[in-house]
Protein backbone atom coordinates (compact mmCIF):
# COMPACT_ATOMS: atom_id res chain seq x y z
CA UNK A 1 15.58 -15.52 -44.11
CA UNK A 2 17.36 -15.39 -40.90
CA UNK A 3 17.58 -12.44 -38.50
CA UNK A 4 14.22 -11.40 -37.70
CA UNK A 5 14.44 -11.28 -34.13
CA UNK A 6 15.55 -8.05 -32.05
CA UNK A 7 17.02 -8.06 -28.87
CA UNK A 8 17.86 -10.55 -25.81
CA UNK A 9 16.25 -10.29 -23.12
CA UNK A 10 13.24 -8.32 -24.29
CA UNK A 11 12.92 -9.71 -27.50
CA UNK A 12 10.46 -8.82 -30.78
CA UNK A 13 10.12 -11.10 -33.62
CA UNK A 14 8.71 -9.55 -36.67
CA UNK A 15 7.03 -11.14 -39.36
CA UNK A 16 4.77 -9.97 -42.57
CA UNK A 17 5.31 -8.77 -45.67
CA UNK A 18 3.71 -5.08 -47.40
CA UNK A 19 1.28 -6.82 -49.67
CA UNK A 20 0.44 -9.98 -47.90
CA UNK A 21 -2.39 -10.28 -45.27
CA UNK A 22 -0.88 -9.25 -42.85
CA UNK A 23 2.10 -8.33 -40.22
CA UNK A 24 2.60 -9.13 -37.14
CA UNK A 25 5.26 -9.67 -34.27
CA UNK A 26 5.86 -11.67 -30.95
CA UNK A 27 7.11 -9.44 -27.76
CA UNK A 28 9.15 -12.34 -25.24
CA UNK A 29 10.09 -11.26 -22.23
CA UNK A 30 7.47 -8.59 -20.97
CA UNK A 31 7.05 -8.41 -17.48
CA UNK A 32 4.15 -9.83 -16.19
CA UNK A 33 1.28 -7.41 -14.18
CA UNK A 34 1.77 -4.09 -17.08
CA UNK A 35 -1.41 -2.64 -17.73
CA UNK A 36 -1.90 -2.94 -21.94
CA UNK A 37 -4.61 -2.59 -24.17
CA UNK A 38 -4.85 -2.23 -27.72
CA UNK A 39 -5.85 1.56 -27.50
CA UNK A 40 -2.36 1.80 -25.42
CA UNK A 41 -0.52 0.16 -28.79
CA UNK A 42 -3.34 2.17 -31.46
CA UNK A 43 -2.05 5.10 -30.07
CA UNK A 44 1.62 5.04 -31.57
CA UNK A 45 0.38 2.97 -34.77
CA UNK A 46 -2.02 5.68 -35.72
CA UNK A 47 1.17 8.34 -35.56
CA UNK A 48 2.89 6.29 -38.12
CA UNK A 49 0.27 5.50 -40.52
CA UNK A 50 0.19 6.29 -43.67
CA UNK A 51 -1.87 8.40 -45.93
CA UNK A 52 -2.82 10.82 -43.02
CA UNK A 53 -1.40 14.09 -45.54
CA UNK A 54 -0.43 14.55 -48.77
CA UNK A 55 3.11 14.59 -47.85
CA UNK A 56 3.08 11.10 -46.91
CA UNK A 57 2.40 7.45 -48.71
CA UNK A 58 -1.39 7.86 -49.65
CA UNK A 59 -2.01 4.28 -49.02
CA UNK A 60 -5.18 4.20 -47.04
CA UNK A 61 -3.93 1.65 -44.32
CA UNK A 62 -6.32 2.15 -40.75
CA UNK A 63 -3.12 -0.50 -38.95
CA UNK A 64 -5.27 -1.77 -36.78
CA UNK A 65 -3.93 -4.06 -33.82
CA UNK A 66 -5.23 -6.88 -32.59
CA UNK A 67 -3.76 -8.75 -29.36
CA UNK A 68 -3.46 -12.35 -29.69
CA UNK A 69 -2.00 -13.39 -26.39
CA UNK A 70 -0.14 -12.49 -23.52
CA UNK A 71 -2.49 -10.75 -21.52
CA UNK A 72 -5.01 -11.23 -19.52
CA UNK A 73 -8.35 -9.46 -17.47
CA UNK A 74 -11.44 -10.75 -15.26
CA UNK A 75 -13.77 -9.43 -13.28
CA UNK A 76 -11.63 -9.14 -10.23
CA UNK A 77 -8.84 -6.83 -12.08
CA UNK A 78 -9.14 -3.16 -12.70
CA UNK A 79 -7.41 -3.43 -15.99
CA UNK A 80 -6.08 -5.96 -18.25
CA UNK A 81 -2.43 -6.65 -17.76
CA UNK A 82 0.42 -8.64 -19.16
CA UNK A 83 0.87 -12.14 -18.33
CA UNK A 84 4.40 -12.81 -18.68
CA UNK A 85 4.21 -14.88 -21.95
CA UNK A 86 4.98 -14.00 -25.46
CA UNK A 87 2.75 -11.05 -26.83
CA UNK A 88 1.65 -11.89 -30.37
CA UNK A 89 0.37 -8.78 -32.31
CA UNK A 90 -1.61 -8.64 -35.86
CA UNK A 91 -2.06 -6.10 -38.14
CA UNK A 92 -3.94 -6.81 -41.39
CA UNK A 93 -2.98 -5.48 -44.79
CA UNK A 94 -6.36 -3.58 -45.95
CA UNK A 95 -4.69 -1.73 -49.12
CA UNK A 96 -2.65 -2.99 -51.05
CA UNK A 97 -2.20 -2.67 -54.65
CA UNK A 98 0.25 -5.34 -55.82
CA UNK A 99 -0.71 -4.20 -59.80
CA UNK A 100 0.90 -1.43 -59.21
CA UNK A 101 4.25 -2.78 -59.29
CA UNK A 102 3.53 -5.09 -62.85
CA UNK A 103 5.62 -3.77 -64.89
CA UNK A 104 8.68 -3.86 -62.33
CA UNK A 105 8.92 -7.72 -61.73
CA UNK A 106 11.67 -8.46 -63.85
CA UNK A 107 13.68 -4.78 -63.32
CA UNK A 108 15.89 -3.97 -60.14
CA UNK A 109 15.01 -0.37 -58.51
CA UNK A 110 17.95 1.81 -57.89
CA UNK A 111 18.58 2.74 -54.79
CA UNK A 112 16.18 -0.05 -53.15
CA UNK A 113 16.85 -3.57 -52.55
CA UNK A 114 15.60 -5.20 -54.84
CA UNK A 115 19.37 -6.33 -56.47
CA UNK A 116 20.68 -7.44 -53.00
CA UNK A 117 17.72 -9.35 -52.05
CA UNK A 118 17.87 -11.40 -55.69
CA UNK A 119 21.21 -11.66 -55.56
CA UNK A 120 21.19 -13.53 -52.02
CA UNK A 121 17.65 -15.62 -52.14
CA UNK A 122 17.04 -15.71 -55.78
CA UNK A 123 13.50 -14.56 -55.79
CA UNK A 124 12.15 -11.49 -54.23
CA UNK A 125 8.43 -10.37 -53.64
CA UNK A 126 8.21 -6.80 -56.13
CA UNK A 127 5.08 -5.74 -54.41
CA UNK A 128 5.83 -3.17 -52.63
CA UNK A 129 9.17 -4.45 -51.98
CA UNK A 130 7.97 -7.04 -49.87
CA UNK A 131 9.60 -7.91 -46.46
CA UNK A 132 12.02 -4.93 -47.35
CA UNK A 133 9.32 -2.19 -47.58
CA UNK A 134 9.54 -0.03 -44.35
CA UNK A 135 5.74 -0.84 -43.55
CA UNK A 136 7.61 -3.86 -41.94
CA UNK A 137 8.09 -0.97 -39.22
CA UNK A 138 4.16 -0.91 -38.67
CA UNK A 139 5.58 -4.37 -36.07
CA UNK A 140 8.04 -2.13 -34.62
CA UNK A 141 5.93 0.69 -33.33
CA UNK A 142 3.67 -1.51 -31.93
CA UNK A 143 6.37 -3.80 -30.06
CA UNK A 144 8.18 -0.18 -29.04
CA UNK A 145 4.34 0.67 -27.43
CA UNK A 146 4.50 -2.21 -25.08
CA UNK A 147 8.21 -0.95 -24.28
CA UNK A 148 7.43 2.14 -23.58
CA UNK A 149 4.65 0.88 -21.22
CA UNK A 150 6.92 -1.17 -19.08
CA UNK A 151 9.84 1.59 -19.11
CA UNK A 152 7.34 4.20 -17.35
CA UNK A 153 6.56 1.16 -15.04
CA UNK A 154 10.38 0.98 -14.13
CA UNK A 155 11.27 4.39 -14.69
CA UNK A 156 8.26 6.75 -13.41
CA UNK A 157 7.92 9.99 -15.74
CA UNK A 158 10.49 8.84 -18.42
CA UNK A 159 9.71 10.05 -21.49
CA UNK A 160 11.04 9.15 -25.47
CA UNK A 161 10.79 11.87 -28.04
CA UNK A 162 11.41 12.04 -31.68
CA UNK A 163 11.29 15.43 -34.45
CA UNK A 164 12.32 15.72 -37.67
CA UNK A 165 15.21 18.24 -37.40
CA UNK A 166 15.95 18.33 -41.33
CA UNK A 167 14.24 17.82 -44.84
CA UNK A 168 16.33 17.69 -47.57
CA UNK A 169 18.42 20.99 -47.59
CA UNK A 170 15.66 22.31 -45.32
CA UNK A 171 16.92 22.79 -41.35
CA UNK A 172 15.33 23.67 -38.08
CA UNK A 173 16.51 26.58 -35.63
CA UNK A 174 17.63 25.12 -32.28
CA UNK A 175 17.20 27.81 -30.50
CA UNK A 176 13.00 28.18 -31.68
CA UNK A 177 12.88 24.14 -30.48
CA UNK A 178 9.83 23.31 -29.06
CA UNK A 179 8.34 19.75 -28.51
CA UNK A 180 4.68 21.21 -28.15
CA UNK A 181 4.96 21.97 -32.14
CA UNK A 182 5.69 18.63 -32.98
CA UNK A 183 2.38 17.12 -33.13
CA UNK A 184 1.04 20.11 -34.38
CA UNK A 185 2.50 19.77 -37.90
CA UNK A 186 2.67 16.90 -40.91
CA UNK A 187 6.57 16.70 -40.36
CA UNK A 188 6.91 16.17 -36.36
CA UNK A 189 8.98 19.50 -36.99
CA UNK A 190 9.63 21.25 -33.47
CA UNK A 191 10.35 24.84 -34.94
CA UNK A 192 6.83 26.16 -35.98
CA UNK A 193 8.34 28.88 -38.03
CA UNK A 194 10.11 26.51 -40.36
CA UNK A 195 7.01 24.31 -41.60
CA UNK A 196 6.38 26.66 -44.18
CA UNK A 197 8.76 26.61 -45.80
CA UNK A 198 9.41 22.62 -45.60
CA UNK A 199 5.59 22.66 -46.88
CA UNK A 200 6.80 24.13 -50.15
CA UNK A 201 9.95 22.57 -50.37
CA UNK A 202 8.19 19.28 -50.04
CA UNK A 203 5.74 20.54 -52.50
CA UNK A 204 8.19 21.36 -55.15
CA UNK A 205 9.88 18.08 -54.41
CA UNK A 206 6.26 16.11 -54.60
CA UNK A 207 5.03 17.28 -57.82
CA UNK A 208 8.61 16.88 -59.81
CA UNK A 209 7.41 12.81 -58.48
CA UNK A 210 10.93 13.14 -56.75
CA UNK A 211 11.70 12.73 -53.32
CA UNK A 212 14.22 14.12 -50.30
CA UNK A 213 16.26 12.56 -47.05
CA UNK A 214 15.75 13.44 -43.83
CA UNK A 215 17.31 13.63 -40.07
CA UNK A 216 15.74 12.77 -36.88
CA UNK A 217 16.34 13.77 -33.63
CA UNK A 218 15.43 11.13 -30.76
CA UNK A 219 15.61 12.13 -27.32
CA UNK A 220 15.34 9.79 -24.17
CA UNK A 221 14.66 11.45 -20.91
CA UNK A 222 14.27 10.20 -17.36
CA UNK A 223 16.89 7.17 -17.81
CA UNK A 224 19.04 6.60 -14.98
CA UNK A 225 22.99 6.41 -14.95
CA UNK A 226 23.59 2.34 -15.52
CA UNK A 227 22.28 1.19 -18.16
CA UNK A 228 24.76 -0.67 -20.84
CA UNK A 229 28.14 -2.52 -20.68
CA UNK A 230 31.35 -1.22 -21.00
CA UNK A 231 32.33 -3.85 -23.44
CA UNK A 232 30.40 -5.59 -26.31
CA UNK A 233 27.16 -4.43 -24.63
CA UNK A 234 27.57 -0.88 -25.46
CA UNK A 235 24.21 1.14 -25.17
CA UNK A 236 25.23 3.58 -27.44
CA UNK A 237 26.49 0.53 -29.62
CA UNK A 238 23.14 -1.38 -29.75
CA UNK A 239 20.99 2.25 -29.98
CA UNK A 240 23.37 3.04 -33.27
CA UNK A 241 22.63 -0.76 -34.58
CA UNK A 242 19.13 -0.06 -33.82
CA UNK A 243 18.45 3.10 -36.00
CA UNK A 244 20.61 1.98 -38.63
CA UNK A 245 18.56 -1.74 -38.68
CA UNK A 246 15.60 1.51 -40.12
CA UNK A 247 14.79 0.87 -43.73
CA UNK A 248 16.92 3.39 -45.40
CA UNK A 249 19.25 4.61 -42.77
CA UNK A 250 21.95 5.54 -44.36
CA UNK A 251 24.08 7.41 -41.02
CA UNK A 252 23.52 7.50 -37.07
CA UNK A 253 25.44 9.66 -34.30
CA UNK A 254 24.90 9.68 -30.25
CA UNK A 255 25.17 13.51 -29.14
CA UNK A 256 27.60 15.63 -31.28
CA UNK A 257 28.25 12.90 -33.08
CA UNK A 258 30.68 13.23 -35.81
CA UNK A 259 30.43 17.06 -34.57
CA UNK A 260 32.92 16.08 -31.66
CA UNK A 261 35.86 15.12 -34.07
CA UNK A 262 35.89 19.27 -34.85
CA UNK A 263 36.23 19.93 -31.07
CA UNK A 264 38.85 20.28 -28.68
CA UNK A 265 39.47 17.92 -25.63
CA UNK A 266 38.53 21.17 -23.49
CA UNK A 267 35.00 21.62 -25.85
CA UNK A 268 34.28 17.76 -26.06
CA UNK A 269 34.66 17.32 -22.01
CA UNK A 270 31.16 17.15 -20.04
CA UNK A 271 32.36 19.21 -17.06
CA UNK A 272 30.69 18.34 -13.46
CA UNK A 273 29.13 19.80 -10.56
CA UNK A 274 28.26 18.71 -7.22
CA UNK A 275 24.52 18.30 -8.03
CA UNK A 276 21.42 16.51 -5.99
CA UNK A 277 21.37 13.83 -3.79
CA UNK A 278 25.19 13.10 -4.76
CA UNK A 279 24.74 12.86 -8.03
CA UNK A 280 26.70 14.96 -10.72
CA UNK A 281 25.04 18.34 -12.51
CA UNK A 282 26.49 18.20 -16.13
CA UNK A 283 27.60 21.38 -17.14
CA UNK A 284 26.74 20.05 -20.92
CA UNK A 285 25.87 17.07 -23.00
CA UNK A 286 28.30 16.48 -25.94
CA UNK A 287 27.91 12.72 -24.98
CA UNK A 288 24.63 12.64 -25.81
CA UNK A 289 24.04 10.81 -21.97
CA UNK A 290 26.46 7.52 -22.65
CA UNK A 291 30.28 7.23 -21.20
CA UNK A 292 31.92 4.51 -21.65
CA UNK A 293 28.66 2.57 -23.47
CA UNK A 294 27.23 2.73 -20.01
CA UNK A 295 23.86 5.74 -19.19
CA UNK A 296 25.14 8.86 -17.58
CA UNK A 297 21.75 10.29 -16.44
CA UNK A 298 21.46 12.70 -18.79
CA UNK A 299 19.23 12.67 -21.79
CA UNK A 300 19.70 10.35 -24.37
CA UNK A 301 20.63 11.99 -27.91
CA UNK A 302 20.37 9.69 -31.04
CA UNK A 303 19.91 11.30 -34.79
CA UNK A 304 19.48 9.14 -37.74
CA UNK A 305 19.96 10.25 -41.24
CA UNK A 306 17.69 8.46 -43.64
CA UNK A 307 17.64 9.17 -47.53
CA UNK A 308 15.59 9.76 -50.41
CA UNK A 309 13.11 7.74 -50.91
CA UNK A 310 13.91 5.33 -53.88
CA UNK A 311 10.76 5.01 -55.32
CA UNK A 312 10.26 7.67 -58.21
CA UNK A 313 8.69 8.68 -60.86
CA UNK A 314 11.69 10.04 -62.44
CA UNK A 315 13.04 7.52 -65.22
CA UNK A 316 16.09 5.86 -63.86
CA UNK A 317 19.01 4.02 -65.37
CA UNK A 318 19.05 -0.28 -63.97
CA UNK A 319 18.99 -3.78 -65.36
CA UNK A 320 16.57 -6.04 -65.32
CA UNK A 321 17.04 -10.51 -63.93
CA UNK A 322 17.60 -11.08 -67.30
CA UNK A 323 20.97 -8.60 -67.20
CA UNK A 324 19.36 -6.18 -70.18
CA UNK A 325 20.10 -2.96 -69.62
CA UNK A 326 16.85 -0.79 -68.94
CA UNK A 327 15.03 2.05 -67.44
CA UNK A 328 12.03 2.10 -64.71
CA UNK A 329 9.83 4.38 -63.53
CA UNK A 330 7.74 3.57 -60.10
CA UNK A 331 4.42 4.07 -59.90
CA UNK A 332 2.48 3.35 -57.11
CA UNK A 333 1.75 5.12 -53.62
CA UNK A 334 5.02 6.29 -51.87
CA UNK A 335 6.56 8.93 -49.70
CA UNK A 336 7.88 12.19 -50.80
CA UNK A 337 9.99 11.83 -47.95
CA UNK A 338 10.30 8.69 -45.86
CA UNK A 339 11.97 9.87 -43.45
CA UNK A 340 8.46 12.10 -41.93
CA UNK A 341 7.09 8.99 -40.52
CA UNK A 342 10.60 7.63 -39.08
CA UNK A 343 9.95 9.73 -36.40
CA UNK A 344 7.86 7.37 -34.48
CA UNK A 345 9.93 4.39 -35.76
CA UNK A 346 13.09 6.15 -34.36
CA UNK A 347 11.52 6.28 -30.89
CA UNK A 348 10.05 2.34 -30.90
CA UNK A 349 13.86 1.37 -31.43
CA UNK A 350 15.40 3.54 -28.36
CA UNK A 351 12.23 1.90 -26.45
CA UNK A 352 12.88 -1.58 -27.17
CA UNK A 353 16.74 -1.30 -26.61
CA UNK A 354 15.85 0.63 -23.38
CA UNK A 355 13.75 -1.94 -22.34
CA UNK A 356 16.19 -4.48 -23.23
CA UNK A 357 18.96 -2.89 -21.11
CA UNK A 358 16.41 -2.34 -18.34
CA UNK A 359 15.79 -5.90 -18.39
CA UNK A 360 19.77 -6.67 -18.41
CA UNK A 361 20.46 -4.28 -15.78
CA UNK A 362 18.07 -5.42 -13.30
CA UNK A 363 19.16 -8.88 -13.92
CA UNK A 364 22.67 -8.36 -13.18
CA UNK A 365 22.70 -6.14 -10.38
CA UNK A 366 19.64 -8.27 -8.51
C-alpha cells in the first residue's frame, strides 16, 4: 500500500492497524529548538480518545503516546526540544476485541471500504477495518499536536479550533456560538441550548442500533496573509484534500462554500477598507480567509461533512467474498456518530497543512 505520507516539507508518515499491536507515525521536517514533550501531544489525543461517553465507541484505549526519537534535553537545558531529526511516535493498542468481527470475515459491510480494499489488494484485515479504521486518525492528532507547537512558535497567538455544528438533522443556532461551550459537552457543540436536544436525538439513534452523520467547522485564527501558491499549491485545495482524507468525510467547503453559488457578485465580495499598519480591514469573510489560493489574513474557515457510521446493528443486504447474497449485522463497539470525534482530527489536519505551508513560505521568501 502506497500513499501513507502527507505533506511536503512538514511530512507525516503513519502506520498501524486498528487491531494490530500499535499505531504510530514519523514526523519529518519539524525545525529544531521547539519545546515538545509527550504531555503536549497527550492533551490532544485525550480529546479524540474513545470511551469517554456513551455517545462514542466504548473501546477503552488510553491512547498513551511515546516519543521514540527527535527530541533532546540535558541538565543544561530548561526544556526538552526538537532536534530537527525525524520524530517517531508510538501509540499501543490495548483493548482490541478481534472476536467481535469473526462473523463478518467473509462479508462486505455496506458503506465501508471492505469491498474496495478486497478488489484492490485481494486481502483485507476485517478486524475493525484494519488500516481503513478511523483508529488511524489517532496518529494524525498526535502529529497535529507537533504541528501546532511549531506554528505557535512562528505565529504567536495563532489558534486552531473546531466545533460540531450539525448532528444528523439537528443544527446549532449560529447567533449563540460560544467557543467556551465546546469543551463543556460531549459533542464539541458551541451552542449550549443545542446540547439537550442533541442528546435526546442521538440517544434515539443509539438505542435503535443506527447512526447519523455530522458537519464539523474548523477555524484558524492568527494566520498571516501570504500562505499558499496560486496555481497547484493553493492553500484551500490542500486544506480540502486534508479534510477529505479523514475517514467517512464526503464533502468539504471553504468559507461560504456551496452557499456562494446562490449569492450575487455584490453579496459575495469581501469588501475592504483601510486597516492598521497598511493592512486591509475586510467587511466580511465569505471566502473563508483564502483568495486565489493564498491566505488573506482573515480567519480560515473550513467545514466538512461526515457520513453516518457504516457499522450498525440493523441488518443490511450485502454479498460475501464468494459473490453470494447475504445479510450483515455489525457487532462490536462503534460510534453512533463518528463525526463527534472527528473534531480534533479536523483541527489536526488544518495544523498539518498550515505547518507545511509555513515552511514552504519561509523557504520561498528567504
